[in-house]
């Protein structure tokens, strides 16, 4: 398999594994010298909107403006396709590009995790049945665990079964988090999982996974052009 085809296959596999979070409002960013907007985020890559096609295979620093701070990651373009064709004189065509994270600059990996967690929590809080008295997730801090022990929470026959495990897989009916997560916060996640939609359950699993994924196979070196 050619290197680019192999990279594309790996990205599709990782996207299925981790999923992406669609942003309710895009984030302004720069990819090299090109102004872009971030539409979707994940721990492995992004979906960008921009004017003009970007050549697949190009590797450049991506600088995202988030809450007054720069999140800088070096990314490789996996694909770039026309999304909206300009229909009038003076209008511009819009392209969508999928990019994969190759390395980080500074502490941007931590900032990216915080960005994803904040967006997931916001989406879940909007979905939850607040009338049932479920507290907001705003107080939840995923805090990546440092050990190799995890807590598997499965909703079986109307009750939660919680067991300690060394396996990091997410169960079909529930989620797996670091064993270091406060039990009270785990209970909030359980109640959130019960009350939300299928999409909300996926987001709950993504939030849980942030506490157990110490590395996504992406180098964490500082970028040197």
N, C-alpha and C. Protein backbone atom coordinates (compact mmCIF):
# COMPACT_ATOMS: atom_id res chain seq x y z
N UNK A 1 0.85 -1.20 0.00
CA UNK A 1 0.00 0.00 0.00
C UNK A 1 0.88 1.24 0.00
N UNK A 2 0.55 2.23 -0.85
CA UNK A 2 1.32 3.46 -0.93
C UNK A 2 1.26 4.20 0.40
N UNK A 3 2.32 5.02 0.72
CA UNK A 3 2.33 5.73 2.00
C UNK A 3 1.10 6.58 2.26
N UNK A 4 0.64 7.35 1.22
CA UNK A 4 -0.52 8.20 1.44
C UNK A 4 -1.77 7.38 1.68
N UNK A 5 -1.93 6.29 0.89
CA UNK A 5 -3.10 5.43 1.08
C UNK A 5 -3.08 4.79 2.46
N UNK A 6 -1.88 4.42 2.93
CA UNK A 6 -1.75 3.83 4.26
C UNK A 6 -2.13 4.85 5.33
N UNK A 7 -1.68 6.10 5.14
CA UNK A 7 -2.01 7.17 6.09
C UNK A 7 -3.51 7.40 6.13
N UNK A 8 -4.16 7.43 4.95
CA UNK A 8 -5.60 7.63 4.90
C UNK A 8 -6.34 6.51 5.59
N UNK A 9 -5.87 5.26 5.40
CA UNK A 9 -6.50 4.12 6.06
C UNK A 9 -6.36 4.22 7.56
N UNK A 10 -5.17 4.66 8.01
CA UNK A 10 -4.94 4.80 9.45
C UNK A 10 -5.84 5.87 10.05
N UNK A 11 -6.01 6.99 9.31
CA UNK A 11 -6.86 8.07 9.81
C UNK A 11 -8.30 7.62 9.91
N UNK A 12 -8.79 6.89 8.89
CA UNK A 12 -10.17 6.39 8.94
C UNK A 12 -10.36 5.45 10.12
N UNK A 13 -9.33 4.60 10.36
CA UNK A 13 -9.41 3.67 11.48
C UNK A 13 -9.43 4.42 12.80
N UNK A 14 -8.57 5.45 12.95
CA UNK A 14 -8.51 6.20 14.20
C UNK A 14 -9.77 7.02 14.39
N UNK A 15 -10.37 7.52 13.29
CA UNK A 15 -11.61 8.29 13.43
C UNK A 15 -12.72 7.40 13.95
N UNK A 16 -12.77 6.16 13.45
CA UNK A 16 -13.78 5.24 13.97
C UNK A 16 -13.51 4.94 15.44
N UNK A 17 -12.25 4.86 15.80
CA UNK A 17 -11.87 4.48 17.16
C UNK A 17 -12.18 5.59 18.16
N UNK A 18 -11.85 6.82 17.81
CA UNK A 18 -12.01 7.92 18.76
C UNK A 18 -13.23 8.79 18.47
N UNK A 19 -13.59 8.96 17.19
CA UNK A 19 -14.68 9.85 16.84
C UNK A 19 -14.25 11.31 16.89
N UNK A 20 -15.08 12.14 16.34
CA UNK A 20 -14.83 13.57 16.34
C UNK A 20 -15.97 14.31 17.01
N UNK A 21 -15.69 15.52 17.45
CA UNK A 21 -16.69 16.39 18.04
C UNK A 21 -16.96 17.52 17.06
N UNK A 22 -18.22 17.65 16.63
CA UNK A 22 -18.59 18.73 15.72
C UNK A 22 -18.82 19.98 16.55
N UNK A 23 -18.18 21.07 16.18
CA UNK A 23 -18.27 22.30 16.95
C UNK A 23 -19.54 23.07 16.60
N UNK A 24 -20.21 23.61 17.63
CA UNK A 24 -21.40 24.42 17.36
C UNK A 24 -21.00 25.74 16.72
N UNK A 25 -19.81 26.22 17.03
CA UNK A 25 -19.26 27.40 16.39
C UNK A 25 -17.82 27.08 15.99
N UNK A 26 -17.49 27.35 14.74
CA UNK A 26 -16.14 27.03 14.27
C UNK A 26 -15.10 27.90 14.98
N UNK A 27 -13.87 27.41 15.00
CA UNK A 27 -12.77 28.14 15.63
C UNK A 27 -11.84 28.70 14.56
N UNK A 28 -11.49 29.98 14.64
CA UNK A 28 -10.55 30.54 13.67
C UNK A 28 -9.16 29.94 13.86
N UNK A 29 -8.45 29.75 12.75
CA UNK A 29 -7.13 29.14 12.83
C UNK A 29 -6.32 29.51 11.59
N UNK A 30 -5.04 29.13 11.61
CA UNK A 30 -4.17 29.28 10.46
C UNK A 30 -3.48 27.95 10.19
N UNK A 31 -3.47 27.55 8.94
CA UNK A 31 -2.72 26.36 8.53
C UNK A 31 -1.60 26.86 7.64
N UNK A 32 -0.40 26.96 8.21
CA UNK A 32 0.66 27.66 7.51
C UNK A 32 0.27 29.11 7.36
N UNK A 33 0.19 29.60 6.12
CA UNK A 33 -0.22 30.98 5.86
C UNK A 33 -1.69 31.08 5.46
N UNK A 34 -2.41 29.96 5.46
CA UNK A 34 -3.80 29.94 5.00
C UNK A 34 -4.75 30.11 6.18
N UNK A 35 -5.69 31.05 6.06
CA UNK A 35 -6.70 31.21 7.09
C UNK A 35 -7.74 30.11 6.94
N UNK A 36 -8.06 29.44 8.03
CA UNK A 36 -9.02 28.34 8.01
C UNK A 36 -9.95 28.46 9.21
N UNK A 37 -11.00 27.64 9.21
CA UNK A 37 -11.88 27.51 10.37
C UNK A 37 -11.97 26.03 10.73
N UNK A 38 -11.87 25.73 12.01
CA UNK A 38 -11.95 24.35 12.48
C UNK A 38 -13.41 24.01 12.71
N UNK A 39 -13.90 22.96 12.01
CA UNK A 39 -15.30 22.55 12.12
C UNK A 39 -15.49 21.38 13.07
N UNK A 40 -14.53 20.45 13.07
CA UNK A 40 -14.59 19.27 13.93
C UNK A 40 -13.22 19.03 14.54
N UNK A 41 -13.23 18.49 15.77
CA UNK A 41 -11.96 18.23 16.47
C UNK A 41 -11.96 16.80 16.99
N UNK A 42 -10.76 16.25 17.11
CA UNK A 42 -10.57 14.95 17.76
C UNK A 42 -9.15 14.93 18.29
N UNK A 43 -8.78 13.86 19.00
CA UNK A 43 -7.42 13.76 19.52
C UNK A 43 -6.44 13.36 18.43
N UNK A 44 -6.92 13.05 17.24
CA UNK A 44 -6.03 12.65 16.15
C UNK A 44 -6.04 13.60 14.97
N UNK A 45 -7.01 14.50 14.88
CA UNK A 45 -7.05 15.38 13.72
C UNK A 45 -8.24 16.32 13.73
N UNK A 46 -8.40 17.03 12.59
CA UNK A 46 -9.42 18.08 12.49
C UNK A 46 -10.06 18.09 11.11
N UNK A 47 -11.24 18.69 11.04
CA UNK A 47 -11.86 19.02 9.76
C UNK A 47 -11.82 20.53 9.64
N UNK A 48 -11.23 21.03 8.53
CA UNK A 48 -11.04 22.46 8.32
C UNK A 48 -11.88 22.94 7.14
N UNK A 49 -12.33 24.19 7.20
CA UNK A 49 -12.99 24.85 6.08
C UNK A 49 -12.11 26.03 5.66
N UNK A 50 -11.99 26.24 4.35
CA UNK A 50 -11.10 27.30 3.86
C UNK A 50 -11.39 27.58 2.40
N UNK A 51 -10.82 28.67 1.89
CA UNK A 51 -10.91 29.02 0.48
C UNK A 51 -9.73 28.39 -0.26
N UNK A 52 -9.97 27.84 -1.42
CA UNK A 52 -8.90 27.25 -2.21
C UNK A 52 -8.52 25.87 -1.71
N UNK A 53 -8.16 25.00 -2.64
CA UNK A 53 -7.80 23.63 -2.28
C UNK A 53 -6.39 23.57 -1.72
N UNK A 54 -6.20 22.74 -0.72
CA UNK A 54 -4.89 22.49 -0.15
C UNK A 54 -4.44 21.10 -0.60
N UNK A 55 -3.22 20.99 -1.05
CA UNK A 55 -2.74 19.73 -1.62
C UNK A 55 -2.62 18.66 -0.54
N UNK A 56 -3.22 17.49 -0.76
CA UNK A 56 -3.04 16.37 0.18
C UNK A 56 -1.56 16.03 0.30
N UNK A 57 -1.15 15.66 1.52
CA UNK A 57 0.25 15.34 1.77
C UNK A 57 1.03 16.50 2.35
N UNK A 58 0.49 17.73 2.26
CA UNK A 58 1.18 18.90 2.79
C UNK A 58 1.20 18.85 4.32
N UNK A 59 2.34 19.15 4.91
CA UNK A 59 2.48 19.19 6.37
C UNK A 59 2.86 20.61 6.79
N UNK A 60 2.05 21.18 7.68
CA UNK A 60 2.24 22.56 8.13
C UNK A 60 1.80 22.69 9.59
N UNK A 61 2.29 23.73 10.28
CA UNK A 61 1.74 24.01 11.62
C UNK A 61 0.31 24.52 11.51
N UNK A 62 -0.56 24.01 12.38
CA UNK A 62 -1.93 24.49 12.51
C UNK A 62 -2.02 25.22 13.84
N UNK A 63 -2.41 26.49 13.80
CA UNK A 63 -2.51 27.31 15.02
C UNK A 63 -3.97 27.68 15.21
N UNK A 64 -4.59 27.16 16.29
CA UNK A 64 -6.00 27.39 16.58
C UNK A 64 -6.14 28.43 17.68
N UNK A 65 -7.00 29.40 17.45
CA UNK A 65 -7.27 30.44 18.45
C UNK A 65 -8.42 29.96 19.32
N UNK A 66 -8.09 29.62 20.59
CA UNK A 66 -9.10 29.11 21.51
C UNK A 66 -8.98 29.80 22.85
N UNK A 67 -10.01 30.53 23.23
CA UNK A 67 -10.08 31.23 24.51
C UNK A 67 -8.84 32.09 24.77
N UNK A 68 -8.39 32.78 23.74
CA UNK A 68 -7.27 33.69 23.89
C UNK A 68 -5.91 33.03 23.93
N UNK A 69 -5.84 31.74 23.66
CA UNK A 69 -4.56 31.03 23.64
C UNK A 69 -4.40 30.31 22.32
N UNK A 70 -3.16 30.11 21.92
CA UNK A 70 -2.87 29.41 20.67
C UNK A 70 -2.64 27.93 20.94
N UNK A 71 -3.38 27.10 20.24
CA UNK A 71 -3.17 25.66 20.28
C UNK A 71 -2.44 25.32 18.98
N UNK A 72 -1.17 24.92 19.08
CA UNK A 72 -0.32 24.73 17.91
C UNK A 72 0.06 23.26 17.74
N UNK A 73 -0.30 22.72 16.59
CA UNK A 73 0.00 21.33 16.29
C UNK A 73 0.42 21.23 14.82
N UNK A 74 1.38 20.38 14.55
CA UNK A 74 1.80 20.16 13.17
C UNK A 74 0.91 19.08 12.56
N UNK A 75 0.28 19.40 11.42
CA UNK A 75 -0.71 18.50 10.83
C UNK A 75 -0.39 18.20 9.37
N UNK A 76 -0.84 17.03 8.94
CA UNK A 76 -0.69 16.59 7.56
C UNK A 76 -2.06 16.50 6.90
N UNK A 77 -2.17 17.03 5.68
CA UNK A 77 -3.44 17.02 4.95
C UNK A 77 -3.68 15.63 4.38
N UNK A 78 -4.78 15.03 4.77
CA UNK A 78 -5.15 13.70 4.28
C UNK A 78 -6.02 13.82 3.03
N UNK A 79 -6.93 14.79 3.03
CA UNK A 79 -7.80 14.99 1.88
C UNK A 79 -8.25 16.44 1.85
N UNK A 80 -8.59 16.93 0.65
CA UNK A 80 -9.11 18.28 0.48
C UNK A 80 -10.11 18.24 -0.67
N UNK A 81 -11.38 18.53 -0.37
CA UNK A 81 -12.44 18.40 -1.38
C UNK A 81 -13.28 19.66 -1.44
N UNK A 82 -13.86 19.90 -2.61
CA UNK A 82 -14.74 21.05 -2.81
C UNK A 82 -16.04 20.81 -2.05
N UNK A 83 -16.43 21.77 -1.22
CA UNK A 83 -17.66 21.65 -0.45
C UNK A 83 -18.76 22.55 -1.01
N UNK A 84 -18.40 23.76 -1.41
CA UNK A 84 -19.39 24.67 -1.98
C UNK A 84 -18.74 25.47 -3.11
N UNK A 85 -19.30 25.34 -4.29
CA UNK A 85 -18.76 26.02 -5.47
C UNK A 85 -19.29 27.44 -5.55
N UNK A 86 -18.40 28.38 -5.86
CA UNK A 86 -18.81 29.77 -6.02
C UNK A 86 -19.78 29.88 -7.19
N UNK A 87 -20.89 30.58 -7.00
CA UNK A 87 -21.93 30.65 -8.03
C UNK A 87 -22.05 32.03 -8.68
N UNK A 88 -21.39 33.03 -8.10
CA UNK A 88 -21.48 34.38 -8.65
C UNK A 88 -20.10 35.00 -8.72
N UNK A 89 -19.98 36.04 -9.54
CA UNK A 89 -18.73 36.79 -9.65
C UNK A 89 -18.39 37.40 -8.29
N UNK A 90 -17.18 37.25 -7.88
CA UNK A 90 -16.73 37.81 -6.61
C UNK A 90 -16.89 36.87 -5.44
N UNK A 91 -17.69 35.82 -5.62
CA UNK A 91 -17.85 34.82 -4.55
C UNK A 91 -16.67 33.86 -4.58
N UNK A 92 -16.47 33.14 -3.50
CA UNK A 92 -15.35 32.20 -3.42
C UNK A 92 -15.86 30.79 -3.15
N UNK A 93 -15.14 29.82 -3.67
CA UNK A 93 -15.46 28.42 -3.39
C UNK A 93 -14.90 28.03 -2.03
N UNK A 94 -15.60 27.16 -1.34
CA UNK A 94 -15.18 26.72 -0.01
C UNK A 94 -14.78 25.24 -0.10
N UNK A 95 -13.64 24.93 0.50
CA UNK A 95 -13.14 23.56 0.54
C UNK A 95 -13.13 23.05 1.98
N UNK A 96 -13.28 21.75 2.13
CA UNK A 96 -13.12 21.08 3.41
C UNK A 96 -11.91 20.17 3.33
N UNK A 97 -11.05 20.24 4.34
CA UNK A 97 -9.86 19.41 4.39
C UNK A 97 -9.78 18.66 5.71
N UNK A 98 -9.45 17.39 5.62
CA UNK A 98 -9.20 16.60 6.82
C UNK A 98 -7.70 16.54 7.06
N UNK A 99 -7.28 16.87 8.27
CA UNK A 99 -5.85 16.86 8.61
C UNK A 99 -5.60 15.97 9.82
N UNK A 100 -4.44 15.35 9.81
CA UNK A 100 -4.04 14.46 10.90
C UNK A 100 -2.90 15.08 11.70
N UNK A 101 -2.98 14.99 13.03
CA UNK A 101 -1.93 15.54 13.88
C UNK A 101 -0.67 14.68 13.77
N UNK A 102 0.45 15.34 13.48
CA UNK A 102 1.73 14.65 13.38
C UNK A 102 2.59 14.87 14.63
N UNK A 103 2.55 16.07 15.17
CA UNK A 103 3.31 16.38 16.39
C UNK A 103 2.73 17.64 17.02
N UNK A 104 3.13 17.90 18.25
CA UNK A 104 2.62 19.07 18.97
C UNK A 104 3.71 20.11 19.12
N UNK A 105 3.29 21.32 19.42
CA UNK A 105 4.22 22.41 19.71
C UNK A 105 3.93 22.88 21.13
N UNK A 106 4.93 22.81 22.00
CA UNK A 106 4.72 23.19 23.39
C UNK A 106 3.78 22.24 24.09
N UNK A 107 2.84 22.80 24.88
CA UNK A 107 1.89 21.98 25.66
C UNK A 107 0.54 21.90 24.98
N UNK A 108 0.53 21.98 23.64
CA UNK A 108 -0.74 22.02 22.92
C UNK A 108 -1.54 20.74 23.02
N UNK A 109 -0.89 19.62 23.30
CA UNK A 109 -1.65 18.37 23.47
C UNK A 109 -2.59 18.49 24.66
N UNK A 110 -2.11 19.06 25.76
CA UNK A 110 -2.97 19.25 26.93
C UNK A 110 -4.11 20.23 26.61
N UNK A 111 -3.77 21.32 25.91
CA UNK A 111 -4.79 22.30 25.55
C UNK A 111 -5.85 21.68 24.65
N UNK A 112 -5.43 20.82 23.71
CA UNK A 112 -6.39 20.16 22.83
C UNK A 112 -7.34 19.27 23.61
N UNK A 113 -6.83 18.52 24.57
CA UNK A 113 -7.68 17.67 25.40
C UNK A 113 -8.69 18.53 26.18
N UNK A 114 -8.23 19.67 26.70
CA UNK A 114 -9.13 20.55 27.43
C UNK A 114 -10.21 21.09 26.50
N UNK A 115 -9.84 21.45 25.27
CA UNK A 115 -10.80 21.96 24.30
C UNK A 115 -11.87 20.91 24.02
N UNK A 116 -11.42 19.67 23.75
CA UNK A 116 -12.37 18.59 23.44
C UNK A 116 -13.28 18.32 24.63
N UNK A 117 -12.69 18.23 25.83
CA UNK A 117 -13.50 17.97 27.03
C UNK A 117 -14.53 19.06 27.24
N UNK A 118 -14.14 20.32 27.05
CA UNK A 118 -15.06 21.44 27.25
C UNK A 118 -16.23 21.38 26.28
N UNK A 119 -15.95 21.04 25.01
CA UNK A 119 -17.02 20.96 24.02
C UNK A 119 -17.94 19.76 24.27
N UNK A 120 -17.38 18.64 24.69
CA UNK A 120 -18.20 17.47 24.99
C UNK A 120 -19.12 17.75 26.18
N UNK A 121 -18.56 18.33 27.23
CA UNK A 121 -19.34 18.63 28.42
C UNK A 121 -20.49 19.59 28.09
N UNK A 122 -20.19 20.61 27.27
CA UNK A 122 -21.23 21.56 26.88
C UNK A 122 -22.34 20.85 26.11
N UNK A 123 -21.96 19.99 25.17
CA UNK A 123 -22.96 19.28 24.37
C UNK A 123 -23.81 18.35 25.23
N UNK A 124 -23.18 17.66 26.17
CA UNK A 124 -23.91 16.74 27.04
C UNK A 124 -24.85 17.48 27.97
N UNK A 125 -24.40 18.61 28.50
CA UNK A 125 -25.26 19.38 29.39
C UNK A 125 -26.50 19.89 28.66
N UNK A 126 -26.34 20.18 27.35
CA UNK A 126 -27.49 20.63 26.57
C UNK A 126 -28.46 19.49 26.30
N UNK A 127 -27.95 18.26 26.25
CA UNK A 127 -28.80 17.10 25.93
C UNK A 127 -29.50 16.51 27.14
N UNK A 128 -28.92 16.68 28.32
CA UNK A 128 -29.42 15.98 29.49
C UNK A 128 -30.83 16.38 29.91
N UNK A 129 -31.51 15.44 30.52
CA UNK A 129 -32.86 15.70 31.04
C UNK A 129 -32.72 16.35 32.41
N UNK A 130 -32.57 17.67 32.43
CA UNK A 130 -32.34 18.37 33.69
C UNK A 130 -33.50 18.22 34.66
N UNK A 131 -34.69 17.94 34.14
CA UNK A 131 -35.85 17.78 35.01
C UNK A 131 -35.69 16.59 35.94
N UNK A 132 -34.80 15.67 35.60
CA UNK A 132 -34.59 14.50 36.45
C UNK A 132 -33.60 14.77 37.57
N UNK A 133 -33.14 16.01 37.64
CA UNK A 133 -32.26 16.36 38.75
C UNK A 133 -30.82 15.97 38.55
N UNK A 134 -30.40 15.73 37.31
CA UNK A 134 -29.01 15.37 37.07
C UNK A 134 -28.16 16.63 37.06
N UNK A 135 -27.14 16.72 37.89
CA UNK A 135 -26.34 17.95 37.97
C UNK A 135 -25.57 18.18 36.68
N UNK A 136 -25.22 19.43 36.38
CA UNK A 136 -24.45 19.72 35.18
C UNK A 136 -23.06 19.12 35.28
N UNK A 137 -22.46 18.88 34.13
CA UNK A 137 -21.13 18.28 34.09
C UNK A 137 -20.02 19.31 34.21
N UNK A 138 -20.39 20.58 34.37
CA UNK A 138 -19.39 21.64 34.38
C UNK A 138 -18.31 21.40 35.44
N UNK A 139 -18.68 20.74 36.55
CA UNK A 139 -17.72 20.50 37.63
C UNK A 139 -16.83 19.29 37.34
N UNK A 140 -17.17 18.52 36.30
CA UNK A 140 -16.40 17.31 36.00
C UNK A 140 -15.06 17.68 35.41
N UNK A 141 -13.99 17.09 35.93
CA UNK A 141 -12.65 17.26 35.37
C UNK A 141 -12.12 15.87 35.07
N UNK A 142 -11.83 15.62 33.77
CA UNK A 142 -11.47 14.25 33.41
C UNK A 142 -10.11 13.83 33.95
N UNK A 143 -9.18 14.77 34.13
CA UNK A 143 -7.89 14.48 34.75
C UNK A 143 -7.28 13.14 34.31
N UNK A 144 -6.49 13.13 33.25
CA UNK A 144 -5.91 11.87 32.76
C UNK A 144 -5.21 11.11 33.88
N UNK A 145 -5.54 9.82 34.00
CA UNK A 145 -4.94 9.00 35.05
C UNK A 145 -3.48 8.69 34.74
N UNK A 146 -2.73 8.40 35.79
CA UNK A 146 -1.31 8.10 35.64
C UNK A 146 -1.02 6.61 35.76
N UNK A 147 -1.97 5.86 36.28
CA UNK A 147 -1.76 4.44 36.48
C UNK A 147 -2.25 3.60 35.32
N UNK A 148 -2.27 2.29 35.54
CA UNK A 148 -2.70 1.35 34.50
C UNK A 148 -3.95 0.59 34.94
N UNK A 149 -4.71 1.17 35.86
CA UNK A 149 -5.92 0.54 36.34
C UNK A 149 -7.12 1.40 35.96
N UNK A 150 -8.19 0.76 35.49
CA UNK A 150 -9.34 1.49 34.98
C UNK A 150 -10.63 0.98 35.63
N UNK A 151 -11.70 1.77 35.50
CA UNK A 151 -13.00 1.38 36.03
C UNK A 151 -13.97 1.23 34.86
N UNK A 152 -14.48 0.02 34.69
CA UNK A 152 -15.42 -0.30 33.61
C UNK A 152 -16.83 -0.22 34.16
N UNK A 153 -17.65 0.62 33.56
CA UNK A 153 -19.02 0.82 34.01
C UNK A 153 -19.97 0.35 32.92
N UNK A 154 -20.76 -0.68 33.21
CA UNK A 154 -21.68 -1.25 32.23
C UNK A 154 -23.11 -1.22 32.76
N UNK A 155 -24.04 -0.76 31.92
CA UNK A 155 -25.44 -0.68 32.29
C UNK A 155 -26.12 -1.96 31.84
N UNK A 156 -26.41 -2.86 32.80
CA UNK A 156 -26.93 -4.19 32.49
C UNK A 156 -28.23 -4.42 33.27
N UNK A 157 -29.29 -4.74 32.53
CA UNK A 157 -30.60 -5.02 33.15
C UNK A 157 -31.04 -3.91 34.10
N UNK A 158 -30.81 -2.66 33.69
CA UNK A 158 -31.29 -1.53 34.46
C UNK A 158 -30.43 -1.12 35.62
N UNK A 159 -29.27 -1.73 35.82
CA UNK A 159 -28.37 -1.36 36.91
C UNK A 159 -26.93 -1.25 36.38
N UNK A 160 -26.12 -0.51 37.13
CA UNK A 160 -24.73 -0.32 36.74
C UNK A 160 -23.83 -1.36 37.41
N UNK A 161 -23.01 -2.00 36.61
CA UNK A 161 -21.99 -2.91 37.14
C UNK A 161 -20.64 -2.24 36.93
N UNK A 162 -19.94 -1.97 38.05
CA UNK A 162 -18.66 -1.27 37.99
C UNK A 162 -17.56 -2.20 38.47
N UNK A 163 -16.57 -2.42 37.62
CA UNK A 163 -15.49 -3.33 37.94
C UNK A 163 -14.16 -2.69 37.60
N UNK A 164 -13.12 -3.04 38.35
CA UNK A 164 -11.78 -2.58 38.02
C UNK A 164 -11.18 -3.51 36.98
N UNK A 165 -10.42 -2.93 36.07
CA UNK A 165 -9.87 -3.71 34.97
C UNK A 165 -8.56 -3.09 34.50
N UNK A 166 -7.80 -3.87 33.75
CA UNK A 166 -6.59 -3.35 33.11
C UNK A 166 -6.83 -3.13 31.61
N UNK A 167 -8.06 -3.39 31.16
CA UNK A 167 -8.43 -3.21 29.76
C UNK A 167 -9.01 -1.81 29.54
N UNK A 168 -8.65 -1.19 28.42
CA UNK A 168 -9.07 0.18 28.19
C UNK A 168 -10.24 0.29 27.20
N UNK A 169 -10.74 -0.84 26.69
CA UNK A 169 -11.80 -0.78 25.70
C UNK A 169 -13.09 -0.19 26.30
N UNK A 170 -13.83 0.54 25.46
CA UNK A 170 -15.12 1.08 25.86
C UNK A 170 -16.19 0.02 25.63
N UNK A 171 -17.00 -0.33 26.65
CA UNK A 171 -18.05 -1.33 26.47
C UNK A 171 -19.19 -0.79 25.62
N UNK A 172 -20.00 -1.67 25.07
CA UNK A 172 -21.12 -1.26 24.22
C UNK A 172 -22.17 -0.49 25.02
N UNK A 173 -22.42 -0.92 26.26
CA UNK A 173 -23.44 -0.29 27.10
C UNK A 173 -22.80 0.35 28.33
N UNK A 174 -22.06 1.43 28.11
CA UNK A 174 -21.41 2.09 29.22
C UNK A 174 -20.10 2.72 28.79
N UNK A 175 -19.15 2.78 29.73
CA UNK A 175 -17.89 3.45 29.43
C UNK A 175 -16.80 2.95 30.38
N UNK A 176 -15.56 3.26 30.04
CA UNK A 176 -14.40 2.93 30.87
C UNK A 176 -13.64 4.21 31.14
N UNK A 177 -13.31 4.45 32.42
CA UNK A 177 -12.55 5.64 32.81
C UNK A 177 -11.34 5.21 33.63
N UNK A 178 -10.46 6.17 33.90
CA UNK A 178 -9.35 5.91 34.79
C UNK A 178 -9.89 5.58 36.19
N UNK A 179 -9.25 4.65 36.87
CA UNK A 179 -9.66 4.30 38.23
C UNK A 179 -9.43 5.46 39.19
N UNK A 180 -8.69 6.48 38.76
CA UNK A 180 -8.40 7.62 39.62
C UNK A 180 -9.51 8.68 39.60
N UNK A 181 -10.48 8.53 38.70
CA UNK A 181 -11.59 9.48 38.66
C UNK A 181 -12.43 9.34 39.93
N UNK A 182 -12.81 10.48 40.51
CA UNK A 182 -13.61 10.48 41.73
C UNK A 182 -14.90 9.69 41.51
N UNK A 183 -15.24 8.77 42.43
CA UNK A 183 -16.47 7.97 42.29
C UNK A 183 -17.73 8.82 42.13
N UNK A 184 -17.79 9.98 42.78
CA UNK A 184 -18.96 10.85 42.64
C UNK A 184 -19.08 11.36 41.20
N UNK A 185 -17.94 11.65 40.57
CA UNK A 185 -17.96 12.10 39.19
C UNK A 185 -18.33 10.95 38.25
N UNK A 186 -17.91 9.74 38.61
CA UNK A 186 -18.29 8.57 37.83
C UNK A 186 -19.80 8.39 37.87
N UNK A 187 -20.40 8.60 39.06
CA UNK A 187 -21.85 8.49 39.19
C UNK A 187 -22.56 9.51 38.30
N UNK A 188 -22.02 10.73 38.21
CA UNK A 188 -22.61 11.75 37.34
C UNK A 188 -22.54 11.31 35.89
N UNK A 189 -21.42 10.71 35.48
CA UNK A 189 -21.30 10.20 34.12
C UNK A 189 -22.32 9.09 33.86
N UNK A 190 -22.51 8.23 34.86
CA UNK A 190 -23.49 7.15 34.71
C UNK A 190 -24.90 7.71 34.50
N UNK A 191 -25.27 8.68 35.30
CA UNK A 191 -26.61 9.26 35.20
C UNK A 191 -26.77 10.02 33.88
N UNK A 192 -25.68 10.65 33.44
CA UNK A 192 -25.71 11.34 32.16
C UNK A 192 -25.89 10.34 31.03
N UNK A 193 -25.15 9.24 31.08
CA UNK A 193 -25.25 8.20 30.03
C UNK A 193 -26.67 7.67 29.94
N UNK A 194 -27.31 7.45 31.09
CA UNK A 194 -28.67 6.93 31.11
C UNK A 194 -29.67 7.89 30.47
N UNK A 195 -29.48 9.18 30.68
CA UNK A 195 -30.50 10.16 30.33
C UNK A 195 -30.37 10.70 28.91
N UNK A 196 -29.26 10.45 28.25
CA UNK A 196 -29.01 11.12 26.99
C UNK A 196 -29.34 10.25 25.79
N UNK A 197 -29.14 10.82 24.60
CA UNK A 197 -29.42 10.14 23.33
C UNK A 197 -28.26 9.23 22.94
N UNK A 198 -28.41 8.55 21.80
CA UNK A 198 -27.32 7.70 21.29
C UNK A 198 -26.07 8.54 21.04
N UNK A 199 -26.25 9.74 20.50
CA UNK A 199 -25.10 10.63 20.28
C UNK A 199 -24.50 11.04 21.61
N UNK A 200 -25.36 11.30 22.60
CA UNK A 200 -24.85 11.66 23.92
C UNK A 200 -24.06 10.53 24.56
N UNK A 201 -24.49 9.30 24.34
CA UNK A 201 -23.75 8.15 24.87
C UNK A 201 -22.37 8.06 24.22
N UNK A 202 -22.30 8.35 22.91
CA UNK A 202 -21.01 8.35 22.22
C UNK A 202 -20.10 9.41 22.81
N UNK A 203 -20.65 10.60 23.06
CA UNK A 203 -19.86 11.69 23.63
C UNK A 203 -19.41 11.35 25.05
N UNK A 204 -20.27 10.68 25.82
CA UNK A 204 -19.88 10.27 27.18
C UNK A 204 -18.69 9.33 27.13
N UNK A 205 -18.71 8.39 26.19
CA UNK A 205 -17.58 7.49 26.02
C UNK A 205 -16.32 8.24 25.63
N UNK A 206 -16.45 9.24 24.75
CA UNK A 206 -15.30 10.04 24.35
C UNK A 206 -14.71 10.80 25.54
N UNK A 207 -15.60 11.35 26.37
CA UNK A 207 -15.15 12.08 27.56
C UNK A 207 -14.43 11.13 28.51
N UNK A 208 -14.99 9.93 28.69
CA UNK A 208 -14.35 8.94 29.55
C UNK A 208 -12.98 8.54 28.99
N UNK A 209 -12.90 8.42 27.67
CA UNK A 209 -11.67 7.97 27.05
C UNK A 209 -10.54 8.98 27.20
N UNK A 210 -10.89 10.26 27.34
CA UNK A 210 -9.85 11.27 27.55
C UNK A 210 -9.06 11.01 28.82
N UNK A 211 -9.69 10.31 29.79
CA UNK A 211 -9.01 10.05 31.06
C UNK A 211 -8.09 8.84 31.01
N UNK A 212 -8.15 8.06 29.92
CA UNK A 212 -7.35 6.84 29.87
C UNK A 212 -6.38 6.81 28.72
N UNK A 213 -6.52 7.70 27.73
CA UNK A 213 -5.61 7.71 26.59
C UNK A 213 -4.43 8.62 26.89
N UNK A 214 -3.30 8.02 27.19
CA UNK A 214 -2.10 8.81 27.47
C UNK A 214 -1.35 9.14 26.20
N UNK A 215 -1.58 8.37 25.15
CA UNK A 215 -0.92 8.61 23.88
C UNK A 215 -1.77 8.03 22.78
N UNK A 216 -1.85 8.74 21.67
CA UNK A 216 -2.59 8.26 20.51
C UNK A 216 -1.66 7.80 19.41
N UNK A 217 -0.40 7.54 19.75
CA UNK A 217 0.55 7.14 18.73
C UNK A 217 1.08 8.32 17.95
N UNK A 218 0.85 9.54 18.46
CA UNK A 218 1.32 10.75 17.80
C UNK A 218 2.55 11.25 18.53
N UNK A 219 3.66 11.53 17.82
CA UNK A 219 4.86 12.04 18.49
C UNK A 219 4.54 13.33 19.24
N UNK A 220 5.21 13.55 20.35
CA UNK A 220 4.96 14.75 21.15
C UNK A 220 6.19 15.64 21.18
N UNK A 221 6.99 15.61 20.12
CA UNK A 221 8.18 16.46 20.06
C UNK A 221 7.78 17.89 19.70
N UNK A 222 8.66 18.82 19.99
CA UNK A 222 8.47 20.20 19.56
C UNK A 222 8.77 20.30 18.09
N UNK A 223 7.97 21.07 17.36
CA UNK A 223 8.14 21.20 15.93
C UNK A 223 9.37 22.01 15.58
N UNK A 224 10.20 21.50 14.67
CA UNK A 224 11.38 22.20 14.20
C UNK A 224 11.33 22.24 12.69
N UNK A 225 11.04 23.40 12.08
CA UNK A 225 10.92 23.50 10.63
C UNK A 225 12.27 23.26 9.94
